[in-house]
């Protein structure tokens, strides 16, 4: 029986679902111990270190056109590779077009920065309590 993540990704054409599954595998390796949160209604897969929004690090956003890697509070992340796009005040994403994009040094650096930002958010909340 396919997992909820598989169900979400496999409803797209093979090129999109394949890229999404590769990105999933990559994120699970990069974000050791993370929680994977497929959301069928929102059509995204969240990755973080708790089920609350504050603990969200990034998301896989599939569509008919392709795959995006979204970053929670991406507008606040350093982006020396100039990969982040989007016009939202808070979130940004990277369009993933190939497996090479997934494994790029710039993507790995964005993920490291997103984890650092999560740790700062989490520490800030802990200090307030």
N, C-alpha and C. Protein backbone atom coordinates (compact mmCIF):
# COMPACT_ATOMS: atom_id res chain seq x y z
N UNK A 1 0.85 -1.19 0.00
CA UNK A 1 0.00 0.00 0.00
C UNK A 1 0.89 1.25 0.00
N UNK A 2 0.66 2.17 -0.92
CA UNK A 2 1.50 3.37 -1.00
C UNK A 2 1.29 4.28 0.22
N UNK A 3 2.35 4.95 0.62
CA UNK A 3 2.26 5.89 1.73
C UNK A 3 1.48 7.13 1.27
N UNK A 4 1.12 7.99 2.23
CA UNK A 4 0.41 9.23 1.88
C UNK A 4 1.29 10.14 1.03
N UNK A 5 2.60 10.10 1.27
CA UNK A 5 3.53 10.89 0.46
C UNK A 5 3.52 10.37 -0.97
N UNK A 6 3.62 9.04 -1.11
CA UNK A 6 3.59 8.44 -2.45
C UNK A 6 2.29 8.79 -3.17
N UNK A 7 1.17 8.68 -2.46
CA UNK A 7 -0.13 9.01 -3.06
C UNK A 7 -0.15 10.45 -3.56
N UNK A 8 0.38 11.35 -2.76
CA UNK A 8 0.38 12.76 -3.13
C UNK A 8 1.24 12.99 -4.38
N UNK A 9 2.43 12.41 -4.42
CA UNK A 9 3.34 12.63 -5.54
C UNK A 9 2.96 11.86 -6.79
N UNK A 10 2.42 10.65 -6.62
CA UNK A 10 2.16 9.79 -7.77
C UNK A 10 0.93 10.20 -8.58
N UNK A 11 0.21 11.21 -8.13
CA UNK A 11 -0.92 11.69 -8.94
C UNK A 11 -0.46 12.62 -10.06
N UNK A 12 0.84 12.92 -10.10
CA UNK A 12 1.42 13.76 -11.16
C UNK A 12 2.09 12.89 -12.20
N UNK A 13 2.43 13.50 -13.35
CA UNK A 13 3.08 12.70 -14.38
C UNK A 13 4.44 12.22 -13.87
N UNK A 14 4.97 11.24 -14.58
CA UNK A 14 6.15 10.53 -14.12
C UNK A 14 7.35 11.45 -13.86
N UNK A 15 7.57 12.45 -14.71
CA UNK A 15 8.74 13.33 -14.50
C UNK A 15 8.61 14.12 -13.21
N UNK A 16 7.41 14.60 -12.90
CA UNK A 16 7.18 15.37 -11.68
C UNK A 16 7.26 14.45 -10.46
N UNK A 17 6.58 13.31 -10.51
CA UNK A 17 6.58 12.42 -9.35
C UNK A 17 7.97 11.86 -9.08
N UNK A 18 8.72 11.54 -10.11
CA UNK A 18 10.07 11.02 -9.94
C UNK A 18 10.98 12.05 -9.27
N UNK A 19 10.91 13.28 -9.74
CA UNK A 19 11.70 14.36 -9.15
C UNK A 19 11.28 14.61 -7.70
N UNK A 20 9.99 14.56 -7.44
CA UNK A 20 9.49 14.73 -6.08
C UNK A 20 9.98 13.65 -5.14
N UNK A 21 9.99 12.41 -5.61
CA UNK A 21 10.47 11.30 -4.79
C UNK A 21 11.98 11.41 -4.53
N UNK A 22 12.73 11.88 -5.53
CA UNK A 22 14.17 12.09 -5.34
C UNK A 22 14.42 13.21 -4.33
N UNK A 23 13.64 14.28 -4.42
CA UNK A 23 13.78 15.39 -3.48
C UNK A 23 13.42 14.92 -2.07
N UNK A 24 12.39 14.11 -1.95
CA UNK A 24 11.99 13.57 -0.65
C UNK A 24 13.14 12.79 -0.03
N UNK A 25 13.73 11.89 -0.79
CA UNK A 25 14.84 11.07 -0.30
C UNK A 25 16.00 11.97 0.16
N UNK A 26 16.30 12.98 -0.63
CA UNK A 26 17.37 13.91 -0.32
C UNK A 26 17.08 14.66 0.99
N UNK A 27 15.86 15.18 1.13
CA UNK A 27 15.50 15.93 2.34
C UNK A 27 15.56 15.06 3.59
N UNK A 28 15.08 13.83 3.48
CA UNK A 28 15.13 12.93 4.64
C UNK A 28 16.58 12.66 5.06
N UNK A 29 17.49 12.62 4.10
CA UNK A 29 18.91 12.43 4.42
C UNK A 29 19.53 13.70 5.01
N UNK A 30 19.15 14.86 4.49
CA UNK A 30 19.72 16.13 4.96
C UNK A 30 19.15 16.56 6.31
N UNK A 31 17.90 16.27 6.55
CA UNK A 31 17.21 16.72 7.77
C UNK A 31 17.04 15.54 8.73
N UNK A 32 18.15 15.08 9.24
CA UNK A 32 18.14 13.89 10.09
C UNK A 32 17.17 14.05 11.26
N UNK A 33 16.33 13.05 11.43
CA UNK A 33 15.38 13.06 12.53
C UNK A 33 14.14 13.91 12.31
N UNK A 34 13.97 14.42 11.11
CA UNK A 34 12.82 15.30 10.85
C UNK A 34 11.52 14.49 10.79
N UNK A 35 10.43 15.22 10.87
CA UNK A 35 9.10 14.65 10.73
C UNK A 35 8.61 15.01 9.33
N UNK A 36 8.07 14.02 8.63
CA UNK A 36 7.51 14.24 7.29
C UNK A 36 6.00 14.37 7.44
N UNK A 37 5.45 15.46 6.91
CA UNK A 37 4.03 15.75 7.11
C UNK A 37 3.31 15.98 5.79
N UNK A 38 2.80 14.92 5.17
CA UNK A 38 2.04 15.12 3.94
C UNK A 38 0.69 15.75 4.24
N UNK A 39 0.31 16.74 3.46
CA UNK A 39 -0.97 17.43 3.62
C UNK A 39 -1.70 17.35 2.29
N UNK A 40 -2.60 16.39 2.17
CA UNK A 40 -3.32 16.17 0.92
C UNK A 40 -4.14 17.39 0.54
N UNK A 41 -4.79 18.01 1.51
CA UNK A 41 -5.66 19.15 1.22
C UNK A 41 -4.87 20.33 0.67
N UNK A 42 -3.70 20.60 1.24
CA UNK A 42 -2.88 21.72 0.79
C UNK A 42 -1.96 21.33 -0.37
N UNK A 43 -1.87 20.03 -0.63
CA UNK A 43 -1.04 19.50 -1.71
C UNK A 43 0.45 19.82 -1.52
N UNK A 44 0.91 19.65 -0.28
CA UNK A 44 2.33 19.84 0.03
C UNK A 44 2.79 18.75 0.98
N UNK A 45 4.11 18.62 1.09
CA UNK A 45 4.70 17.71 2.06
C UNK A 45 5.65 18.55 2.90
N UNK A 46 5.35 18.66 4.18
CA UNK A 46 6.17 19.46 5.08
C UNK A 46 7.25 18.64 5.75
N UNK A 47 8.36 19.30 6.07
CA UNK A 47 9.48 18.68 6.77
C UNK A 47 9.89 19.59 7.90
N UNK A 48 9.94 19.04 9.10
CA UNK A 48 10.31 19.85 10.25
C UNK A 48 10.60 18.99 11.46
N UNK A 49 10.69 19.65 12.60
CA UNK A 49 11.07 18.96 13.83
C UNK A 49 9.97 19.04 14.89
N UNK A 50 8.76 19.17 14.45
CA UNK A 50 7.58 19.18 15.29
C UNK A 50 6.40 19.42 14.37
N UNK A 51 5.21 19.24 14.89
CA UNK A 51 4.03 19.36 14.03
C UNK A 51 3.48 20.77 13.93
N UNK A 52 4.02 21.68 14.72
CA UNK A 52 3.57 23.07 14.65
C UNK A 52 4.25 23.84 13.54
N UNK A 53 3.62 24.93 13.14
CA UNK A 53 4.15 25.75 12.06
C UNK A 53 5.54 26.29 12.37
N UNK A 54 5.80 26.61 13.63
CA UNK A 54 7.11 27.15 14.02
C UNK A 54 8.23 26.15 13.76
N UNK A 55 7.91 24.86 13.76
CA UNK A 55 8.91 23.81 13.58
C UNK A 55 9.08 23.38 12.12
N UNK A 56 8.33 23.99 11.22
CA UNK A 56 8.44 23.67 9.81
C UNK A 56 9.72 24.26 9.24
N UNK A 57 10.49 23.45 8.52
CA UNK A 57 11.73 23.90 7.90
C UNK A 57 11.51 24.14 6.41
N UNK A 58 10.94 23.15 5.73
CA UNK A 58 10.74 23.29 4.29
C UNK A 58 9.59 22.41 3.82
N UNK A 59 9.22 22.58 2.56
CA UNK A 59 8.12 21.82 1.98
C UNK A 59 8.44 21.41 0.55
N UNK A 60 7.88 20.30 0.14
CA UNK A 60 7.86 19.92 -1.27
C UNK A 60 6.51 20.37 -1.80
N UNK A 61 6.53 21.13 -2.89
CA UNK A 61 5.31 21.65 -3.49
C UNK A 61 5.21 21.11 -4.93
N UNK A 62 4.45 20.03 -5.13
CA UNK A 62 4.31 19.51 -6.49
C UNK A 62 3.20 20.24 -7.25
N UNK A 63 3.34 20.30 -8.56
CA UNK A 63 2.30 20.85 -9.42
C UNK A 63 2.41 20.19 -10.79
N UNK A 64 1.48 20.47 -11.65
CA UNK A 64 1.54 19.91 -13.00
C UNK A 64 2.80 20.36 -13.74
N UNK A 65 3.27 21.56 -13.40
CA UNK A 65 4.45 22.12 -14.08
C UNK A 65 5.77 21.60 -13.54
N UNK A 66 5.79 21.14 -12.28
CA UNK A 66 7.05 20.67 -11.71
C UNK A 66 7.04 20.63 -10.20
N UNK A 67 8.23 20.69 -9.64
CA UNK A 67 8.43 20.58 -8.19
C UNK A 67 9.10 21.85 -7.69
N UNK A 68 8.63 22.32 -6.53
CA UNK A 68 9.27 23.45 -5.86
C UNK A 68 9.66 23.00 -4.46
N UNK A 69 10.77 23.51 -3.99
CA UNK A 69 11.20 23.30 -2.62
C UNK A 69 10.96 24.61 -1.89
N UNK A 70 9.95 24.60 -1.03
CA UNK A 70 9.59 25.81 -0.30
C UNK A 70 10.31 25.90 1.03
N UNK A 71 10.59 27.12 1.45
CA UNK A 71 11.28 27.35 2.73
C UNK A 71 10.43 28.23 3.63
N UNK A 72 10.16 27.73 4.84
CA UNK A 72 9.47 28.51 5.85
C UNK A 72 10.35 29.70 6.21
N UNK A 73 9.80 30.89 6.11
CA UNK A 73 10.52 32.14 6.36
C UNK A 73 11.73 32.28 5.42
N UNK A 74 11.56 31.81 4.22
CA UNK A 74 12.63 31.87 3.22
C UNK A 74 13.07 33.29 2.91
N UNK A 75 12.18 34.25 3.12
CA UNK A 75 12.56 35.64 2.86
C UNK A 75 13.64 36.12 3.83
N UNK A 76 13.82 35.40 4.94
CA UNK A 76 14.82 35.77 5.94
C UNK A 76 16.13 35.02 5.78
N UNK A 77 16.19 34.07 4.86
CA UNK A 77 17.39 33.24 4.71
C UNK A 77 18.43 33.91 3.82
N UNK A 78 19.72 33.73 4.16
CA UNK A 78 20.76 34.17 3.23
C UNK A 78 20.67 33.30 1.97
N UNK A 79 20.87 33.89 0.83
CA UNK A 79 20.73 33.18 -0.44
C UNK A 79 21.83 33.60 -1.41
N UNK A 80 23.09 33.25 -1.09
CA UNK A 80 24.18 33.69 -1.96
C UNK A 80 24.07 33.15 -3.39
N UNK A 81 23.43 31.99 -3.57
CA UNK A 81 23.27 31.42 -4.90
C UNK A 81 22.12 32.03 -5.69
N UNK A 82 21.38 32.95 -5.05
CA UNK A 82 20.23 33.63 -5.67
C UNK A 82 19.23 32.63 -6.27
N UNK A 83 18.92 31.59 -5.50
CA UNK A 83 17.98 30.56 -5.96
C UNK A 83 16.55 30.84 -5.55
N UNK A 84 16.36 31.51 -4.43
CA UNK A 84 15.01 31.69 -3.89
C UNK A 84 14.20 32.66 -4.74
N UNK A 85 12.97 32.26 -5.02
CA UNK A 85 12.05 33.11 -5.77
C UNK A 85 10.72 33.15 -5.03
N UNK A 86 9.83 33.96 -5.53
CA UNK A 86 8.52 34.11 -4.91
C UNK A 86 8.37 35.53 -4.41
N UNK A 87 7.15 35.99 -4.37
CA UNK A 87 6.92 37.38 -3.99
C UNK A 87 6.24 37.53 -2.63
N UNK A 88 6.06 36.40 -1.93
CA UNK A 88 5.44 36.48 -0.61
C UNK A 88 6.31 37.21 0.39
N UNK A 89 5.69 37.76 1.42
CA UNK A 89 6.43 38.49 2.44
C UNK A 89 7.27 37.56 3.31
N UNK A 90 6.86 36.29 3.41
CA UNK A 90 7.51 35.37 4.33
C UNK A 90 8.20 34.20 3.61
N UNK A 91 7.49 33.55 2.75
CA UNK A 91 7.98 32.31 2.14
C UNK A 91 8.68 32.55 0.82
N UNK A 92 9.60 31.65 0.52
CA UNK A 92 10.29 31.63 -0.76
C UNK A 92 10.43 30.17 -1.18
N UNK A 93 10.72 29.96 -2.44
CA UNK A 93 10.88 28.60 -2.95
C UNK A 93 11.95 28.58 -4.03
N UNK A 94 12.40 27.36 -4.30
CA UNK A 94 13.34 27.10 -5.38
C UNK A 94 12.67 26.14 -6.35
N UNK A 95 12.68 26.46 -7.62
CA UNK A 95 12.16 25.54 -8.63
C UNK A 95 13.19 24.45 -8.86
N UNK A 96 12.76 23.21 -8.73
CA UNK A 96 13.63 22.06 -8.91
C UNK A 96 13.34 21.48 -10.29
N UNK A 97 14.32 21.55 -11.17
CA UNK A 97 14.11 21.10 -12.55
C UNK A 97 14.81 19.79 -12.88
N UNK A 98 15.80 19.41 -12.05
CA UNK A 98 16.54 18.17 -12.32
C UNK A 98 17.14 17.64 -11.03
N UNK A 99 17.63 16.41 -11.10
CA UNK A 99 18.31 15.82 -9.94
C UNK A 99 19.55 16.63 -9.59
N UNK A 100 20.21 17.21 -10.58
CA UNK A 100 21.38 18.05 -10.31
C UNK A 100 21.02 19.24 -9.44
N UNK A 101 19.84 19.82 -9.67
CA UNK A 101 19.37 20.93 -8.82
C UNK A 101 19.27 20.47 -7.36
N UNK A 102 18.71 19.28 -7.17
CA UNK A 102 18.50 18.77 -5.82
C UNK A 102 19.82 18.65 -5.07
N UNK A 103 20.81 18.16 -5.71
CA UNK A 103 22.08 17.85 -5.04
C UNK A 103 23.09 18.99 -5.09
N UNK A 104 22.66 20.15 -5.52
CA UNK A 104 23.59 21.27 -5.65
C UNK A 104 24.07 21.78 -4.28
N UNK A 105 25.24 22.33 -4.29
CA UNK A 105 25.82 22.92 -3.08
C UNK A 105 24.92 24.05 -2.55
N UNK A 106 24.37 24.84 -3.45
CA UNK A 106 23.52 25.97 -3.04
C UNK A 106 22.26 25.48 -2.32
N UNK A 107 21.66 24.39 -2.79
CA UNK A 107 20.47 23.84 -2.11
C UNK A 107 20.86 23.32 -0.73
N UNK A 108 21.97 22.61 -0.66
CA UNK A 108 22.42 22.10 0.64
C UNK A 108 22.65 23.24 1.62
N UNK A 109 23.22 24.34 1.13
CA UNK A 109 23.47 25.50 1.99
C UNK A 109 22.15 26.14 2.44
N UNK A 110 21.18 26.24 1.55
CA UNK A 110 19.86 26.78 1.94
C UNK A 110 19.22 25.92 3.02
N UNK A 111 19.34 24.62 2.89
CA UNK A 111 18.77 23.71 3.89
C UNK A 111 19.48 23.91 5.23
N UNK A 112 20.80 24.01 5.21
CA UNK A 112 21.55 24.27 6.46
C UNK A 112 21.10 25.58 7.10
N UNK A 113 20.94 26.62 6.30
CA UNK A 113 20.50 27.92 6.81
C UNK A 113 19.07 27.84 7.37
N UNK A 114 18.21 27.07 6.71
CA UNK A 114 16.83 26.91 7.18
C UNK A 114 16.80 26.19 8.52
N UNK A 115 17.67 25.21 8.70
CA UNK A 115 17.75 24.50 9.98
C UNK A 115 18.28 25.44 11.07
N UNK A 116 19.29 26.24 10.74
CA UNK A 116 19.80 27.23 11.71
C UNK A 116 18.68 28.18 12.13
N UNK A 117 17.90 28.66 11.15
CA UNK A 117 16.80 29.58 11.44
C UNK A 117 15.75 28.91 12.33
N UNK A 118 15.47 27.63 12.08
CA UNK A 118 14.53 26.89 12.92
C UNK A 118 15.05 26.82 14.36
N UNK A 119 16.33 26.51 14.52
CA UNK A 119 16.90 26.42 15.87
C UNK A 119 16.78 27.75 16.61
N UNK A 120 17.00 28.84 15.92
CA UNK A 120 16.87 30.16 16.52
C UNK A 120 15.42 30.43 16.93
N UNK A 121 14.47 30.09 16.04
CA UNK A 121 13.04 30.27 16.37
C UNK A 121 12.67 29.44 17.59
N UNK A 122 13.11 28.21 17.60
CA UNK A 122 12.77 27.28 18.68
C UNK A 122 13.38 27.78 20.00
N UNK A 123 14.62 28.22 19.96
CA UNK A 123 15.29 28.73 21.16
C UNK A 123 14.58 29.99 21.69
N UNK A 124 14.18 30.83 20.79
CA UNK A 124 13.47 32.07 21.16
C UNK A 124 12.17 31.75 21.88
N UNK A 125 11.43 30.78 21.37
CA UNK A 125 10.17 30.38 22.00
C UNK A 125 10.44 29.78 23.37
N UNK A 126 11.47 28.94 23.47
CA UNK A 126 11.81 28.32 24.75
C UNK A 126 12.19 29.36 25.79
N UNK A 127 12.91 30.39 25.37
CA UNK A 127 13.33 31.46 26.30
C UNK A 127 12.16 32.30 26.78
N UNK A 128 11.11 32.39 25.97
CA UNK A 128 9.94 33.18 26.35
C UNK A 128 9.09 32.47 27.39
N UNK A 129 9.23 31.16 27.49
CA UNK A 129 8.36 30.39 28.40
C UNK A 129 8.89 30.32 29.80
